[in-house]
């Protein structure tokens, strides 16, 4: 996001306006950074939790955790998705401030839908919430019993995030191609 405020982006685009290459490279970089940070955070918190549990219950008290590897992999993938979505929002809105406000607005709508829509009504609407899809991606299952009818699992959550990324890319690419970048 600092590319906009520092003027580095305008310098990079003065020689050959390969805007789509710049956008793709930034999205890949943000995805890799998001995956790395989420992976490190997940492994660290999992390690701390295991050590704490063993300290409280004894070394022999912990067993095999068959879902831990899947959770770590899902967290890394989720971090990549969030990084790419964040980069697309920054390029769409011409900087980090509007991107953060837009992301905050999406989360505010998520909270309103969460609290205002009853579980018995608009189950599909509730299942389209980004926080819900993120939790399904991480845990592999719907956490609320009323969602079981939708059959939402990790595969559906991955498809959801890929569709969000594609939709954002379809909107961002033409906007960024036409934008006048000045320092």
C-alpha atoms as a PDB file:
ATOM      1  CA  UNK A   1       0.000   0.000   0.000  1.00  0.00           C
ATOM      2  CA  UNK A   2       2.966   2.302   0.501  1.00  0.00           C
ATOM      3  CA  UNK A   3       3.530   2.280  -3.257  1.00  0.00           C
ATOM      4  CA  UNK A   4       0.750   4.830  -3.640  1.00  0.00           C
ATOM      5  CA  UNK A   5       1.760   7.201  -0.861  1.00  0.00           C
ATOM      6  CA  UNK A   6       5.499   7.079  -1.568  1.00  0.00           C
ATOM      7  CA  UNK A   7       5.097   7.576  -5.298  1.00  0.00           C
ATOM      8  CA  UNK A   8       7.026   4.377  -6.079  1.00  0.00           C
ATOM      9  CA  UNK A   9       4.180   3.070  -8.196  1.00  0.00           C
ATOM     10  CA  UNK A  10       4.195   6.102 -10.475  1.00  0.00           C
ATOM     11  CA  UNK A  11       7.945   5.693 -10.920  1.00  0.00           C
ATOM     12  CA  UNK A  12       7.558   2.005 -11.762  1.00  0.00           C
ATOM     13  CA  UNK A  13       4.846   2.750 -14.303  1.00  0.00           C
ATOM     14  CA  UNK A  14       6.675   5.583 -16.101  1.00  0.00           C
ATOM     15  CA  UNK A  15       8.930   3.369 -18.188  1.00  0.00           C
ATOM     16  CA  UNK A  16       6.434   0.756 -19.421  1.00  0.00           C
ATOM     17  CA  UNK A  17       2.882   0.801 -18.174  1.00  0.00           C
ATOM     18  CA  UNK A  18       2.655  -2.935 -17.479  1.00  0.00           C
ATOM     19  CA  UNK A  19      -0.027  -2.314 -14.910  1.00  0.00           C
ATOM     20  CA  UNK A  20      -1.425  -5.828 -14.931  1.00  0.00           C
ATOM     21  CA  UNK A  21       2.017  -7.275 -14.261  1.00  0.00           C
ATOM     22  CA  UNK A  22       2.514  -4.867 -11.368  1.00  0.00           C
ATOM     23  CA  UNK A  23      -0.926  -5.737  -9.993  1.00  0.00           C
ATOM     24  CA  UNK A  24      -0.342  -9.483 -10.349  1.00  0.00           C
ATOM     25  CA  UNK A  25       3.101  -9.284  -8.733  1.00  0.00           C
ATOM     26  CA  UNK A  26       1.772  -7.257  -5.811  1.00  0.00           C
ATOM     27  CA  UNK A  27      -1.138  -9.659  -5.308  1.00  0.00           C
ATOM     28  CA  UNK A  28       1.186 -12.674  -5.373  1.00  0.00           C
ATOM     29  CA  UNK A  29       3.546 -10.944  -2.945  1.00  0.00           C
ATOM     30  CA  UNK A  30       0.690 -10.014  -0.615  1.00  0.00           C
ATOM     31  CA  UNK A  31      -0.638 -13.568  -0.819  1.00  0.00           C
ATOM     32  CA  UNK A  32       2.762 -15.021   0.070  1.00  0.00           C
ATOM     33  CA  UNK A  33       3.169 -12.553   2.923  1.00  0.00           C
ATOM     34  CA  UNK A  34      -0.328 -13.316   4.222  1.00  0.00           C
ATOM     35  CA  UNK A  35       0.316 -17.067   4.007  1.00  0.00           C
ATOM     36  CA  UNK A  36       3.635 -16.736   5.816  1.00  0.00           C
ATOM     37  CA  UNK A  37       2.267 -14.561   8.604  1.00  0.00           C
ATOM     38  CA  UNK A  38      -0.810 -16.726   9.102  1.00  0.00           C
ATOM     39  CA  UNK A  39       1.303 -19.888   9.083  1.00  0.00           C
ATOM     40  CA  UNK A  40       3.765 -18.503  11.622  1.00  0.00           C
ATOM     41  CA  UNK A  41       0.972 -17.221  13.846  1.00  0.00           C
ATOM     42  CA  UNK A  42      -0.913 -20.503  13.688  1.00  0.00           C
ATOM     43  CA  UNK A  43       2.116 -22.697  14.377  1.00  0.00           C
ATOM     44  CA  UNK A  44       3.218 -20.417  17.211  1.00  0.00           C
ATOM     45  CA  UNK A  45      -0.194 -20.335  18.882  1.00  0.00           C
ATOM     46  CA  UNK A  46      -0.607 -24.082  18.429  1.00  0.00           C
ATOM     47  CA  UNK A  47       2.823 -24.670  19.963  1.00  0.00           C
ATOM     48  CA  UNK A  48       2.066 -22.414  22.921  1.00  0.00           C
ATOM     49  CA  UNK A  49      -1.264 -24.185  23.442  1.00  0.00           C
ATOM     50  CA  UNK A  50       0.381 -27.618  23.401  1.00  0.00           C
ATOM     51  CA  UNK A  51       3.067 -26.550  25.860  1.00  0.00           C
ATOM     52  CA  UNK A  52       0.463 -24.965  28.133  1.00  0.00           C
ATOM     53  CA  UNK A  53      -1.718 -28.074  27.993  1.00  0.00           C
ATOM     54  CA  UNK A  54       1.212 -30.351  28.796  1.00  0.00           C
ATOM     55  CA  UNK A  55       2.235 -28.074  31.666  1.00  0.00           C
ATOM     56  CA  UNK A  56      -1.253 -28.255  33.147  1.00  0.00           C
ATOM     57  CA  UNK A  57      -1.985 -31.932  32.523  1.00  0.00           C
ATOM     58  CA  UNK A  58       1.401 -33.630  32.215  1.00  0.00           C
ATOM     59  CA  UNK A  59       3.581 -34.595  29.290  1.00  0.00           C
ATOM     60  CA  UNK A  60       1.799 -37.898  28.710  1.00  0.00           C
ATOM     61  CA  UNK A  61      -1.639 -36.285  28.601  1.00  0.00           C
ATOM     62  CA  UNK A  62      -1.479 -35.078  25.033  1.00  0.00           C
ATOM     63  CA  UNK A  63      -2.371 -37.415  22.232  1.00  0.00           C
ATOM     64  CA  UNK A  64      -2.276 -37.355  18.471  1.00  0.00           C
ATOM     65  CA  UNK A  65      -3.941 -34.352  16.859  1.00  0.00           C
ATOM     66  CA  UNK A  66      -5.038 -35.587  13.431  1.00  0.00           C
ATOM     67  CA  UNK A  67      -6.655 -32.294  12.470  1.00  0.00           C
ATOM     68  CA  UNK A  68      -3.688 -30.070  13.339  1.00  0.00           C
ATOM     69  CA  UNK A  69      -1.935 -30.396   9.979  1.00  0.00           C
ATOM     70  CA  UNK A  70      -5.165 -29.712   8.085  1.00  0.00           C
ATOM     71  CA  UNK A  71      -5.821 -26.672  10.298  1.00  0.00           C
ATOM     72  CA  UNK A  72      -2.318 -25.287   9.688  1.00  0.00           C
ATOM     73  CA  UNK A  73      -2.628 -25.806   5.926  1.00  0.00           C
ATOM     74  CA  UNK A  74      -6.061 -24.178   5.903  1.00  0.00           C
ATOM     75  CA  UNK A  75      -4.723 -21.234   7.911  1.00  0.00           C
ATOM     76  CA  UNK A  76      -1.864 -20.746   5.442  1.00  0.00           C
ATOM     77  CA  UNK A  77      -4.312 -20.848   2.530  1.00  0.00           C
ATOM     78  CA  UNK A  78      -6.649 -18.419   4.322  1.00  0.00           C
ATOM     79  CA  UNK A  79      -3.730 -16.063   4.927  1.00  0.00           C
ATOM     80  CA  UNK A  80      -2.908 -16.155   1.219  1.00  0.00           C
ATOM     81  CA  UNK A  81      -6.523 -15.416   0.326  1.00  0.00           C
ATOM     82  CA  UNK A  82      -6.702 -12.489   2.763  1.00  0.00           C
ATOM     83  CA  UNK A  83      -3.410 -11.101   1.441  1.00  0.00           C
ATOM     84  CA  UNK A  84      -4.601 -11.230  -2.156  1.00  0.00           C
ATOM     85  CA  UNK A  85      -7.977  -9.713  -1.272  1.00  0.00           C
ATOM     86  CA  UNK A  86      -6.223  -6.947   0.662  1.00  0.00           C
ATOM     87  CA  UNK A  87      -3.912  -6.161  -2.261  1.00  0.00           C
ATOM     88  CA  UNK A  88      -6.834  -6.039  -4.684  1.00  0.00           C
ATOM     89  CA  UNK A  89      -8.715  -3.685  -2.360  1.00  0.00           C
ATOM     90  CA  UNK A  90      -5.680  -1.385  -2.102  1.00  0.00           C
ATOM     91  CA  UNK A  91      -5.329  -1.222  -5.877  1.00  0.00           C
ATOM     92  CA  UNK A  92      -9.077  -0.806  -6.344  1.00  0.00           C
ATOM     93  CA  UNK A  93      -9.355   2.081  -3.874  1.00  0.00           C
ATOM     94  CA  UNK A  94      -6.026   3.778  -4.646  1.00  0.00           C
ATOM     95  CA  UNK A  95      -4.453   3.275  -1.242  1.00  0.00           C
ATOM     96  CA  UNK A  96      -4.691   1.703   2.190  1.00  0.00           C
ATOM     97  CA  UNK A  97      -7.076   4.150   3.863  1.00  0.00           C
ATOM     98  CA  UNK A  98     -10.059   3.524   1.602  1.00  0.00           C
ATOM     99  CA  UNK A  99      -9.222  -0.182   1.408  1.00  0.00           C
ATOM    100  CA  UNK A 100      -9.279  -0.411   5.213  1.00  0.00           C
ATOM    101  CA  UNK A 101     -12.545   1.540   5.370  1.00  0.00           C
ATOM    102  CA  UNK A 102     -14.104  -0.725   2.735  1.00  0.00           C
ATOM    103  CA  UNK A 103     -12.936  -3.876   4.546  1.00  0.00           C
ATOM    104  CA  UNK A 104     -14.218  -2.452   7.834  1.00  0.00           C
ATOM    105  CA  UNK A 105     -17.559  -1.726   6.179  1.00  0.00           C
ATOM    106  CA  UNK A 106     -17.810  -5.320   4.978  1.00  0.00           C
ATOM    107  CA  UNK A 107     -17.116  -6.555   8.507  1.00  0.00           C
ATOM    108  CA  UNK A 108     -19.690  -4.122   9.946  1.00  0.00           C
ATOM    109  CA  UNK A 109     -22.305  -5.449   7.525  1.00  0.00           C
ATOM    110  CA  UNK A 110     -21.205  -8.942   8.561  1.00  0.00           C
ATOM    111  CA  UNK A 111     -21.944  -8.105  12.202  1.00  0.00           C
ATOM    112  CA  UNK A 112     -25.313  -6.554  11.349  1.00  0.00           C
ATOM    113  CA  UNK A 113     -26.344  -9.589   9.310  1.00  0.00           C
ATOM    114  CA  UNK A 114     -25.115 -11.806  12.142  1.00  0.00           C
ATOM    115  CA  UNK A 115     -27.167 -10.092  14.777  1.00  0.00           C
ATOM    116  CA  UNK A 116     -30.281  -9.053  12.849  1.00  0.00           C
ATOM    117  CA  UNK A 117     -31.114 -12.000  10.613  1.00  0.00           C
ATOM    118  CA  UNK A 118     -32.648 -14.901  12.446  1.00  0.00           C
ATOM    119  CA  UNK A 119     -31.133 -18.334  12.003  1.00  0.00           C
ATOM    120  CA  UNK A 120     -34.344 -19.746  10.595  1.00  0.00           C
ATOM    121  CA  UNK A 121     -34.549 -17.103   7.862  1.00  0.00           C
ATOM    122  CA  UNK A 122     -32.030 -16.221   5.175  1.00  0.00           C
ATOM    123  CA  UNK A 123     -29.636 -19.074   5.929  1.00  0.00           C
ATOM    124  CA  UNK A 124     -28.039 -18.589   2.520  1.00  0.00           C
ATOM    125  CA  UNK A 125     -27.462 -14.884   3.227  1.00  0.00           C
ATOM    126  CA  UNK A 126     -25.828 -15.712   6.541  1.00  0.00           C
ATOM    127  CA  UNK A 127     -23.643 -18.348   4.916  1.00  0.00           C
ATOM    128  CA  UNK A 128     -22.251 -15.749   2.497  1.00  0.00           C
ATOM    129  CA  UNK A 129     -20.704 -13.766   5.351  1.00  0.00           C
ATOM    130  CA  UNK A 130     -16.905 -13.554   5.007  1.00  0.00           C
ATOM    131  CA  UNK A 131     -16.304 -14.348   8.687  1.00  0.00           C
ATOM    132  CA  UNK A 132     -18.471 -17.462   8.418  1.00  0.00           C
ATOM    133  CA  UNK A 133     -16.652 -18.647   5.300  1.00  0.00           C
ATOM    134  CA  UNK A 134     -13.295 -17.967   6.952  1.00  0.00           C
ATOM    135  CA  UNK A 135     -14.218 -20.036   9.989  1.00  0.00           C
ATOM    136  CA  UNK A 136     -15.452 -22.869   7.773  1.00  0.00           C
ATOM    137  CA  UNK A 137     -12.179 -22.771   5.858  1.00  0.00           C
ATOM    138  CA  UNK A 138     -10.185 -22.972   9.080  1.00  0.00           C
ATOM    139  CA  UNK A 139     -12.242 -25.564  10.925  1.00  0.00           C
ATOM    140  CA  UNK A 140     -13.551 -27.548   7.986  1.00  0.00           C
ATOM    141  CA  UNK A 141     -17.140 -27.457   9.135  1.00  0.00           C
ATOM    142  CA  UNK A 142     -20.054 -25.190   9.838  1.00  0.00           C
ATOM    143  CA  UNK A 143     -19.890 -24.189  13.484  1.00  0.00           C
ATOM    144  CA  UNK A 144     -23.565 -23.387  13.878  1.00  0.00           C
ATOM    145  CA  UNK A 145     -26.028 -26.267  13.712  1.00  0.00           C
ATOM    146  CA  UNK A 146     -28.464 -24.409  11.462  1.00  0.00           C
ATOM    147  CA  UNK A 147     -25.916 -24.277   8.638  1.00  0.00           C
ATOM    148  CA  UNK A 148     -25.606 -28.033   8.335  1.00  0.00           C
ATOM    149  CA  UNK A 149     -28.384 -28.077   5.746  1.00  0.00           C
ATOM    150  CA  UNK A 150     -26.145 -26.104   3.387  1.00  0.00           C
ATOM    151  CA  UNK A 151     -23.391 -28.723   3.519  1.00  0.00           C
ATOM    152  CA  UNK A 152     -20.673 -26.101   3.751  1.00  0.00           C
ATOM    153  CA  UNK A 153     -17.161 -27.440   4.141  1.00  0.00           C
ATOM    154  CA  UNK A 154     -13.579 -26.484   3.286  1.00  0.00           C
ATOM    155  CA  UNK A 155     -14.022 -27.028  -0.440  1.00  0.00           C
ATOM    156  CA  UNK A 156     -17.006 -24.686  -0.590  1.00  0.00           C
ATOM    157  CA  UNK A 157     -15.126 -22.105   1.501  1.00  0.00           C
ATOM    158  CA  UNK A 158     -12.143 -22.285  -0.874  1.00  0.00           C
ATOM    159  CA  UNK A 159     -14.467 -21.819  -3.853  1.00  0.00           C
ATOM    160  CA  UNK A 160     -16.138 -18.884  -2.065  1.00  0.00           C
ATOM    161  CA  UNK A 161     -12.791 -17.144  -1.520  1.00  0.00           C
ATOM    162  CA  UNK A 162     -11.657 -17.819  -5.087  1.00  0.00           C
ATOM    163  CA  UNK A 163     -14.913 -16.327  -6.383  1.00  0.00           C
ATOM    164  CA  UNK A 164     -14.417 -13.236  -4.192  1.00  0.00           C
ATOM    165  CA  UNK A 165     -10.874 -12.865  -5.539  1.00  0.00           C
ATOM    166  CA  UNK A 166     -12.057 -13.281  -9.142  1.00  0.00           C
ATOM    167  CA  UNK A 167     -14.855 -10.754  -8.647  1.00  0.00           C
ATOM    168  CA  UNK A 168     -12.459  -8.244  -7.087  1.00  0.00           C
ATOM    169  CA  UNK A 169      -9.950  -8.825  -9.898  1.00  0.00           C
ATOM    170  CA  UNK A 170     -12.628  -8.287 -12.563  1.00  0.00           C
ATOM    171  CA  UNK A 171     -13.474  -4.946 -10.961  1.00  0.00           C
ATOM    172  CA  UNK A 172      -9.926  -3.907 -10.004  1.00  0.00           C
ATOM    173  CA  UNK A 173      -8.082  -4.576 -13.282  1.00  0.00           C
ATOM    174  CA  UNK A 174     -10.052  -2.148 -15.468  1.00  0.00           C
ATOM    175  CA  UNK A 175     -10.171   0.486 -12.712  1.00  0.00           C
ATOM    176  CA  UNK A 176      -6.415   0.269 -12.177  1.00  0.00           C
ATOM    177  CA  UNK A 177      -5.720   0.192 -15.945  1.00  0.00           C
ATOM    178  CA  UNK A 178      -7.533   3.526 -16.358  1.00  0.00           C
ATOM    179  CA  UNK A 179      -6.310   5.233 -13.188  1.00  0.00           C
ATOM    180  CA  UNK A 180      -3.915   8.148 -13.495  1.00  0.00           C
ATOM    181  CA  UNK A 181      -1.059   7.404 -11.107  1.00  0.00           C
ATOM    182  CA  UNK A 182       0.707  10.530  -9.890  1.00  0.00           C
ATOM    183  CA  UNK A 183       3.114  11.075  -7.052  1.00  0.00           C
END
